[in-house]
Amino acid sequence: MKITAEISLYPLTGDYAATIKAYIKELNNFPQLDVRTHALSTEVFGEYSTVMNAIQSATLTVFEQDPAAVLVAKYLNRDRRG
């Protein structure tokens, strides 16, 4: 099943931009996903298990390295691109 995830990461540290860039870079390590970055969120398109695994992996990395971060996620059970 194809899904769409819209995610926003809010690191609660001074160097938040580097953390967000690293998070998006990790998502882009999954070539079977389409990752689109916008001003306030990132959209991830692909197969359910691949999207979920990518988000889980990138989030675990941030949560282990940063003292505090918030991840807001919305999931749609279809490919919103059309």
PDB file of N, CA and C in Angstrom:
ATOM      1  N   MET A   1       0.843  -1.176   0.000  1.00  0.00           N
ATOM      2  CA  MET A   1       0.000   0.000   0.000  1.00  0.00           C
ATOM      3  C   MET A   1       0.886   1.237   0.000  1.00  0.00           C
ATOM      4  N   LYS A   2       0.579   2.181  -0.873  1.00  0.00           N
ATOM      5  CA  LYS A   2       1.290   3.460  -0.922  1.00  0.00           C
ATOM      6  C   LYS A   2       0.678   4.405   0.110  1.00  0.00           C
ATOM      7  N   ILE A   3       1.548   5.146   0.813  1.00  0.00           N
ATOM      8  CA  ILE A   3       1.081   6.127   1.790  1.00  0.00           C
ATOM      9  C   ILE A   3       1.824   7.445   1.611  1.00  0.00           C
ATOM     10  N   THR A   4       1.304   8.459   2.290  1.00  0.00           N
ATOM     11  CA  THR A   4       1.949   9.760   2.388  1.00  0.00           C
ATOM     12  C   THR A   4       2.111  10.075   3.863  1.00  0.00           C
ATOM     13  N   ALA A   5       3.300  10.510   4.245  1.00  0.00           N
ATOM     14  CA  ALA A   5       3.547  10.979   5.608  1.00  0.00           C
ATOM     15  C   ALA A   5       3.978  12.432   5.531  1.00  0.00           C
ATOM     16  N   GLU A   6       3.412  13.251   6.385  1.00  0.00           N
ATOM     17  CA  GLU A   6       3.852  14.643   6.508  1.00  0.00           C
ATOM     18  C   GLU A   6       4.415  14.793   7.911  1.00  0.00           C
ATOM     19  N   ILE A   7       5.693  15.160   7.995  1.00  0.00           N
ATOM     20  CA  ILE A   7       6.359  15.210   9.291  1.00  0.00           C
ATOM     21  C   ILE A   7       7.023  16.566   9.505  1.00  0.00           C
ATOM     22  N   SER A   8       7.081  16.949  10.780  1.00  0.00           N
ATOM     23  CA  SER A   8       7.791  18.164  11.192  1.00  0.00           C
ATOM     24  C   SER A   8       8.607  17.817  12.424  1.00  0.00           C
ATOM     25  N   LEU A   9       9.884  18.126  12.374  1.00  0.00           N
ATOM     26  CA  LEU A   9      10.789  17.863  13.485  1.00  0.00           C
ATOM     27  C   LEU A   9      11.149  19.179  14.158  1.00  0.00           C
ATOM     28  N   TYR A  10      11.042  19.197  15.478  1.00  0.00           N
ATOM     29  CA  TYR A  10      11.370  20.392  16.257  1.00  0.00           C
ATOM     30  C   TYR A  10      12.393  20.036  17.333  1.00  0.00           C
ATOM     31  N   PRO A  11      13.692  20.100  17.004  1.00  0.00           N
ATOM     32  CA  PRO A  11      14.712  19.878  18.029  1.00  0.00           C
ATOM     33  C   PRO A  11      14.688  21.041  19.023  1.00  0.00           C
ATOM     34  N   LEU A  12      14.722  20.730  20.279  1.00  0.00           N
ATOM     35  CA  LEU A  12      14.663  21.768  21.317  1.00  0.00           C
ATOM     36  C   LEU A  12      16.071  22.120  21.778  1.00  0.00           C
ATOM     37  N   THR A  13      16.936  22.392  20.793  1.00  0.00           N
ATOM     38  CA  THR A  13      18.332  22.744  21.058  1.00  0.00           C
ATOM     39  C   THR A  13      18.691  23.971  20.234  1.00  0.00           C
ATOM     40  N   GLY A  14      19.831  24.548  20.535  1.00  0.00           N
ATOM     41  CA  GLY A  14      20.266  25.749  19.834  1.00  0.00           C
ATOM     42  C   GLY A  14      20.592  25.512  18.369  1.00  0.00           C
ATOM     43  N   ASP A  15      21.209  24.374  18.055  1.00  0.00           N
ATOM     44  CA  ASP A  15      21.621  24.085  16.685  1.00  0.00           C
ATOM     45  C   ASP A  15      20.583  23.203  16.001  1.00  0.00           C
ATOM     46  N   TYR A  16      19.357  23.681  15.962  1.00  0.00           N
ATOM     47  CA  TYR A  16      18.253  22.868  15.438  1.00  0.00           C
ATOM     48  C   TYR A  16      18.349  22.627  13.936  1.00  0.00           C
ATOM     49  N   ALA A  17      18.887  23.579  13.185  1.00  0.00           N
ATOM     50  CA  ALA A  17      18.939  23.447  11.724  1.00  0.00           C
ATOM     51  C   ALA A  17      19.791  22.252  11.307  1.00  0.00           C
ATOM     52  N   ALA A  18      20.906  22.045  11.955  1.00  0.00           N
ATOM     53  CA  ALA A  18      21.777  20.911  11.614  1.00  0.00           C
ATOM     54  C   ALA A  18      21.080  19.586  11.887  1.00  0.00           C
ATOM     55  N   THR A  19      20.341  19.518  12.971  1.00  0.00           N
ATOM     56  CA  THR A  19      19.608  18.294  13.305  1.00  0.00           C
ATOM     57  C   THR A  19      18.535  18.007  12.272  1.00  0.00           C
ATOM     58  N   ILE A  20      17.804  19.022  11.860  1.00  0.00           N
ATOM     59  CA  ILE A  20      16.750  18.837  10.860  1.00  0.00           C
ATOM     60  C   ILE A  20      17.351  18.407   9.523  1.00  0.00           C
ATOM     61  N   LYS A  21      18.450  19.032   9.113  1.00  0.00           N
ATOM     62  CA  LYS A  21      19.103  18.659   7.857  1.00  0.00           C
ATOM     63  C   LYS A  21      19.598  17.215   7.890  1.00  0.00           C
ATOM     64  N   ALA A  22      20.152  16.784   9.020  1.00  0.00           N
ATOM     65  CA  ALA A  22      20.623  15.406   9.155  1.00  0.00           C
ATOM     66  C   ALA A  22      19.456  14.423   9.102  1.00  0.00           C
ATOM     67  N   TYR A  23      18.336  14.795   9.694  1.00  0.00           N
ATOM     68  CA  TYR A  23      17.135  13.954   9.688  1.00  0.00           C
ATOM     69  C   TYR A  23      16.644  13.760   8.249  1.00  0.00           C
ATOM     70  N   ILE A  24      16.550  14.838   7.496  1.00  0.00           N
ATOM     71  CA  ILE A  24      16.095  14.762   6.110  1.00  0.00           C
ATOM     72  C   ILE A  24      17.092  13.983   5.260  1.00  0.00           C
ATOM     73  N   LYS A  25      18.377  14.168   5.522  1.00  0.00           N
ATOM     74  CA  LYS A  25      19.395  13.417   4.791  1.00  0.00           C
ATOM     75  C   LYS A  25      19.227  11.922   5.024  1.00  0.00           C
ATOM     76  N   GLU A  26      18.937  11.530   6.254  1.00  0.00           N
ATOM     77  CA  GLU A  26      18.729  10.109   6.547  1.00  0.00           C
ATOM     78  C   GLU A  26      17.501   9.571   5.813  1.00  0.00           C
ATOM     79  N   LEU A  27      16.440  10.359   5.734  1.00  0.00           N
ATOM     80  CA  LEU A  27      15.261   9.929   4.971  1.00  0.00           C
ATOM     81  C   LEU A  27      15.615   9.727   3.502  1.00  0.00           C
ATOM     82  N   ASN A  28      16.472  10.585   2.980  1.00  0.00           N
ATOM     83  CA  ASN A  28      16.868  10.489   1.580  1.00  0.00           C
ATOM     84  C   ASN A  28      17.788   9.304   1.294  1.00  0.00           C
ATOM     85  N   ASN A  29      18.258   8.618   2.341  1.00  0.00           N
ATOM     86  CA  ASN A  29      19.065   7.416   2.158  1.00  0.00           C
ATOM     87  C   ASN A  29      18.221   6.230   1.694  1.00  0.00           C
ATOM     88  N   PHE A  30      16.914   6.397   1.658  1.00  0.00           N
ATOM     89  CA  PHE A  30      16.007   5.354   1.183  1.00  0.00           C
ATOM     90  C   PHE A  30      15.614   5.714  -0.253  1.00  0.00           C
ATOM     91  N   PRO A  31      16.309   5.160  -1.256  1.00  0.00           N
ATOM     92  CA  PRO A  31      16.078   5.582  -2.643  1.00  0.00           C
ATOM     93  C   PRO A  31      14.683   5.271  -3.170  1.00  0.00           C
ATOM     94  N   GLN A  32      13.981   4.351  -2.547  1.00  0.00           N
ATOM     95  CA  GLN A  32      12.645   4.006  -3.029  1.00  0.00           C
ATOM     96  C   GLN A  32      11.575   4.995  -2.547  1.00  0.00           C
ATOM     97  N   LEU A  33      11.973   5.984  -1.759  1.00  0.00           N
ATOM     98  CA  LEU A  33      11.037   7.000  -1.267  1.00  0.00           C
ATOM     99  C   LEU A  33      11.186   8.299  -2.046  1.00  0.00           C
ATOM    100  N   ASP A  34      10.098   9.038  -2.126  1.00  0.00           N
ATOM    101  CA  ASP A  34      10.111  10.399  -2.650  1.00  0.00           C
ATOM    102  C   ASP A  34       9.976  11.319  -1.445  1.00  0.00           C
ATOM    103  N   VAL A  35      11.025  12.076  -1.142  1.00  0.00           N
ATOM    104  CA  VAL A  35      11.048  12.973   0.013  1.00  0.00           C
ATOM    105  C   VAL A  35      11.021  14.403  -0.503  1.00  0.00           C
ATOM    106  N   ARG A  36      10.005  15.147  -0.084  1.00  0.00           N
ATOM    107  CA  ARG A  36       9.846  16.540  -0.516  1.00  0.00           C
ATOM    108  C   ARG A  36       9.846  17.448   0.704  1.00  0.00           C
ATOM    109  N   THR A  37      10.798  18.357   0.726  1.00  0.00           N
ATOM    110  CA  THR A  37      10.958  19.253   1.863  1.00  0.00           C
ATOM    111  C   THR A  37      10.303  20.598   1.561  1.00  0.00           C
ATOM    112  N   HIS A  38       9.528  21.084   2.506  1.00  0.00           N
ATOM    113  CA  HIS A  38       8.856  22.380   2.406  1.00  0.00           C
ATOM    114  C   HIS A  38       9.305  23.253   3.575  1.00  0.00           C
ATOM    115  N   ALA A  39       8.829  24.454   3.649  1.00  0.00           N
ATOM    116  CA  ALA A  39       9.269  25.399   4.679  1.00  0.00           C
ATOM    117  C   ALA A  39       8.987  24.902   6.103  1.00  0.00           C
ATOM    118  N   LEU A  40       7.844  24.268   6.321  1.00  0.00           N
ATOM    119  CA  LEU A  40       7.469  23.878   7.681  1.00  0.00           C
ATOM    120  C   LEU A  40       7.323  22.381   7.886  1.00  0.00           C
ATOM    121  N   SER A  41       7.440  21.597   6.817  1.00  0.00           N
ATOM    122  CA  SER A  41       7.280  20.152   6.963  1.00  0.00           C
ATOM    123  C   SER A  41       7.976  19.428   5.822  1.00  0.00           C
ATOM    124  N   THR A  42       8.028  18.121   5.954  1.00  0.00           N
ATOM    125  CA  THR A  42       8.584  17.255   4.919  1.00  0.00           C
ATOM    126  C   THR A  42       7.550  16.195   4.607  1.00  0.00           C
ATOM    127  N   GLU A  43       7.339  15.945   3.326  1.00  0.00           N
ATOM    128  CA  GLU A  43       6.431  14.886   2.905  1.00  0.00           C
ATOM    129  C   GLU A  43       7.259  13.695   2.436  1.00  0.00           C
ATOM    130  N   VAL A  44       6.798  12.504   2.809  1.00  0.00           N
ATOM    131  CA  VAL A  44       7.462  11.271   2.411  1.00  0.00           C
ATOM    132  C   VAL A  44       6.422  10.391   1.730  1.00  0.00           C
ATOM    133  N   PHE A  45       6.731   9.950   0.510  1.00  0.00           N
ATOM    134  CA  PHE A  45       5.816   9.138  -0.281  1.00  0.00           C
ATOM    135  C   PHE A  45       6.467   7.797  -0.571  1.00  0.00           C
ATOM    136  N   GLY A  46       5.697   6.723  -0.419  1.00  0.00           N
ATOM    137  CA  GLY A  46       6.222   5.406  -0.761  1.00  0.00           C
ATOM    138  C   GLY A  46       5.382   4.301  -0.166  1.00  0.00           C
ATOM    139  N   GLU A  47       5.936   3.095  -0.235  1.00  0.00           N
ATOM    140  CA  GLU A  47       5.265   1.942   0.345  1.00  0.00           C
ATOM    141  C   GLU A  47       5.237   2.068   1.866  1.00  0.00           C
ATOM    142  N   TYR A  48       4.133   1.635   2.449  1.00  0.00           N
ATOM    143  CA  TYR A  48       3.903   1.780   3.892  1.00  0.00           C
ATOM    144  C   TYR A  48       5.116   1.354   4.723  1.00  0.00           C
ATOM    145  N   SER A  49       5.585   0.136   4.528  1.00  0.00           N
ATOM    146  CA  SER A  49       6.655  -0.375   5.387  1.00  0.00           C
ATOM    147  C   SER A  49       7.950   0.412   5.205  1.00  0.00           C
ATOM    148  N   THR A  50       8.230   0.851   3.997  1.00  0.00           N
ATOM    149  CA  THR A  50       9.458   1.613   3.751  1.00  0.00           C
ATOM    150  C   THR A  50       9.375   2.995   4.385  1.00  0.00           C
ATOM    151  N   VAL A  51       8.239   3.665   4.231  1.00  0.00           N
ATOM    152  CA  VAL A  51       8.044   4.984   4.855  1.00  0.00           C
ATOM    153  C   VAL A  51       8.175   4.876   6.366  1.00  0.00           C
ATOM    154  N   MET A  52       7.502   3.901   6.938  1.00  0.00           N
ATOM    155  CA  MET A  52       7.525   3.757   8.400  1.00  0.00           C
ATOM    156  C   MET A  52       8.926   3.411   8.907  1.00  0.00           C
ATOM    157  N   ASN A  53       9.633   2.527   8.193  1.00  0.00           N
ATOM    158  CA  ASN A  53      11.000   2.173   8.593  1.00  0.00           C
ATOM    159  C   ASN A  53      11.941   3.364   8.503  1.00  0.00           C
ATOM    160  N   ALA A  54      11.800   4.166   7.460  1.00  0.00           N
ATOM    161  CA  ALA A  54      12.662   5.342   7.295  1.00  0.00           C
ATOM    162  C   ALA A  54      12.421   6.351   8.415  1.00  0.00           C
ATOM    163  N   ILE A  55      11.163   6.626   8.703  1.00  0.00           N
ATOM    164  CA  ILE A  55      10.842   7.581   9.771  1.00  0.00           C
ATOM    165  C   ILE A  55      11.297   7.049  11.122  1.00  0.00           C
ATOM    166  N   GLN A  56      11.084   5.757  11.366  1.00  0.00           N
ATOM    167  CA  GLN A  56      11.515   5.163  12.630  1.00  0.00           C
ATOM    168  C   GLN A  56      13.030   5.269  12.795  1.00  0.00           C
ATOM    169  N   SER A  57      13.770   4.953  11.756  1.00  0.00           N
ATOM    170  CA  SER A  57      15.230   4.996  11.818  1.00  0.00           C
ATOM    171  C   SER A  57      15.746   6.419  12.051  1.00  0.00           C
ATOM    172  N   ALA A  58      15.236   7.373  11.274  1.00  0.00           N
ATOM    173  CA  ALA A  58      15.689   8.763  11.413  1.00  0.00           C
ATOM    174  C   ALA A  58      15.305   9.332  12.770  1.00  0.00           C
ATOM    175  N   THR A  59      14.129   8.988  13.250  1.00  0.00           N
ATOM    176  CA  THR A  59      13.667   9.499  14.545  1.00  0.00           C
ATOM    177  C   THR A  59      14.492   8.911  15.691  1.00  0.00           C
ATOM    178  N   LEU A  60      14.791   7.623  15.617  1.00  0.00           N
ATOM    179  CA  LEU A  60      15.615   6.994  16.657  1.00  0.00           C
ATOM    180  C   LEU A  60      16.980   7.677  16.745  1.00  0.00           C
ATOM    181  N   THR A  61      17.571   7.977  15.592  1.00  0.00           N
ATOM    182  CA  THR A  61      18.867   8.658  15.577  1.00  0.00           C
ATOM    183  C   THR A  61      18.795  10.003  16.297  1.00  0.00           C
ATOM    184  N   VAL A  62      17.776  10.795  15.983  1.00  0.00           N
ATOM    185  CA  VAL A  62      17.620  12.107  16.629  1.00  0.00           C
ATOM    186  C   VAL A  62      17.371  11.951  18.121  1.00  0.00           C
ATOM    187  N   PHE A  63      16.470  11.064  18.492  1.00  0.00           N
ATOM    188  CA  PHE A  63      16.116  10.903  19.899  1.00  0.00           C
ATOM    189  C   PHE A  63      17.295  10.402  20.728  1.00  0.00           C
ATOM    190  N   GLU A  64      18.197   9.628  20.120  1.00  0.00           N
ATOM    191  CA  GLU A  64      19.378   9.149  20.843  1.00  0.00           C
ATOM    192  C   GLU A  64      20.444  10.231  20.965  1.00  0.00           C
ATOM    193  N   GLN A  65      20.512  11.153  19.999  1.00  0.00           N
ATOM    194  CA  GLN A  65      21.585  12.144  19.980  1.00  0.00           C
ATOM    195  C   GLN A  65      21.213  13.483  20.591  1.00  0.00           C
ATOM    196  N   ASP A  66      19.952  13.856  20.546  1.00  0.00           N
ATOM    197  CA  ASP A  66      19.535  15.159  21.046  1.00  0.00           C
ATOM    198  C   ASP A  66      18.895  15.021  22.423  1.00  0.00           C
ATOM    199  N   PRO A  67      19.096  16.007  23.285  1.00  0.00           N
ATOM    200  CA  PRO A  67      18.491  15.927  24.620  1.00  0.00           C
ATOM    201  C   PRO A  67      16.971  16.035  24.597  1.00  0.00           C
ATOM    202  N   ALA A  68      16.423  16.725  23.603  1.00  0.00           N
ATOM    203  CA  ALA A  68      14.963  16.863  23.510  1.00  0.00           C
ATOM    204  C   ALA A  68      14.592  17.250  22.085  1.00  0.00           C
ATOM    205  N   ALA A  69      13.572  16.569  21.557  1.00  0.00           N
ATOM    206  CA  ALA A  69      13.071  16.878  20.220  1.00  0.00           C
ATOM    207  C   ALA A  69      11.623  16.426  20.134  1.00  0.00           C
ATOM    208  N   VAL A  70      10.866  17.130  19.316  1.00  0.00           N
ATOM    209  CA  VAL A  70       9.460  16.809  19.094  1.00  0.00           C
ATOM    210  C   VAL A  70       9.299  16.433  17.618  1.00  0.00           C
ATOM    211  N   LEU A  71       8.595  15.331  17.357  1.00  0.00           N
ATOM    212  CA  LEU A  71       8.266  14.947  15.996  1.00  0.00           C
ATOM    213  C   LEU A  71       6.751  14.923  15.869  1.00  0.00           C
ATOM    214  N   VAL A  72       6.239  15.700  14.908  1.00  0.00           N
ATOM    215  CA  VAL A  72       4.807  15.725  14.616  1.00  0.00           C
ATOM    216  C   VAL A  72       4.633  15.024  13.276  1.00  0.00           C
ATOM    217  N   ALA A  73       3.735  14.032  13.235  1.00  0.00           N
ATOM    218  CA  ALA A  73       3.551  13.254  12.013  1.00  0.00           C
ATOM    219  C   ALA A  73       2.073  13.060  11.707  1.00  0.00           C
ATOM    220  N   LYS A  74       1.773  13.151  10.406  1.00  0.00           N
ATOM    221  CA  LYS A  74       0.430  12.846   9.902  1.00  0.00           C
ATOM    222  C   LYS A  74       0.605  11.814   8.800  1.00  0.00           C
ATOM    223  N   TYR A  75      -0.282  10.825   8.787  1.00  0.00           N
ATOM    224  CA  TYR A  75      -0.209   9.761   7.793  1.00  0.00           C
ATOM    225  C   TYR A  75      -1.514   9.679   7.020  1.00  0.00           C
ATOM    226  N   LEU A  76      -1.386   9.495   5.711  1.00  0.00           N
ATOM    227  CA  LEU A  76      -2.548   9.341   4.842  1.00  0.00           C
ATOM    228  C   LEU A  76      -2.391   8.008   4.105  1.00  0.00           C
ATOM    229  N   ASN A  77      -3.449   7.221   4.095  1.00  0.00           N
ATOM    230  CA  ASN A  77      -3.341   5.876   3.519  1.00  0.00           C
ATOM    231  C   ASN A  77      -3.526   5.874   1.993  1.00  0.00           C
ATOM    232  N   ARG A  78      -2.898   6.825   1.346  1.00  0.00           N
ATOM    233  CA  ARG A  78      -2.821   6.875  -0.116  1.00  0.00           C
ATOM    234  C   ARG A  78      -1.685   7.811  -0.507  1.00  0.00           C
ATOM    235  N   ASP A  79      -1.321   7.757  -1.756  1.00  0.00           N
ATOM    236  CA  ASP A  79      -0.284   8.630  -2.286  1.00  0.00           C
ATOM    237  C   ASP A  79      -0.935   9.942  -2.689  1.00  0.00           C
ATOM    238  N   ARG A  80      -0.656  10.992  -1.955  1.00  0.00           N
ATOM    239  CA  ARG A  80      -1.298  12.292  -2.150  1.00  0.00           C
ATOM    240  C   ARG A  80      -0.834  13.000  -3.423  1.00  0.00           C
ATOM    241  N   ARG A  81       0.220  12.508  -4.035  1.00  0.00           N
ATOM    242  CA  ARG A  81       0.724  13.162  -5.247  1.00  0.00           C
ATOM    243  C   ARG A  81      -0.236  13.046  -6.420  1.00  0.00           C
ATOM    244  N   GLY A  82      -1.206  12.166  -6.317  1.00  0.00           N
ATOM    245  CA  GLY A  82      -2.180  12.086  -7.406  1.00  0.00           C
ATOM    246  C   GLY A  82      -2.413  10.721  -7.795  1.00  0.00           C
TER     247      GLY A  82
END
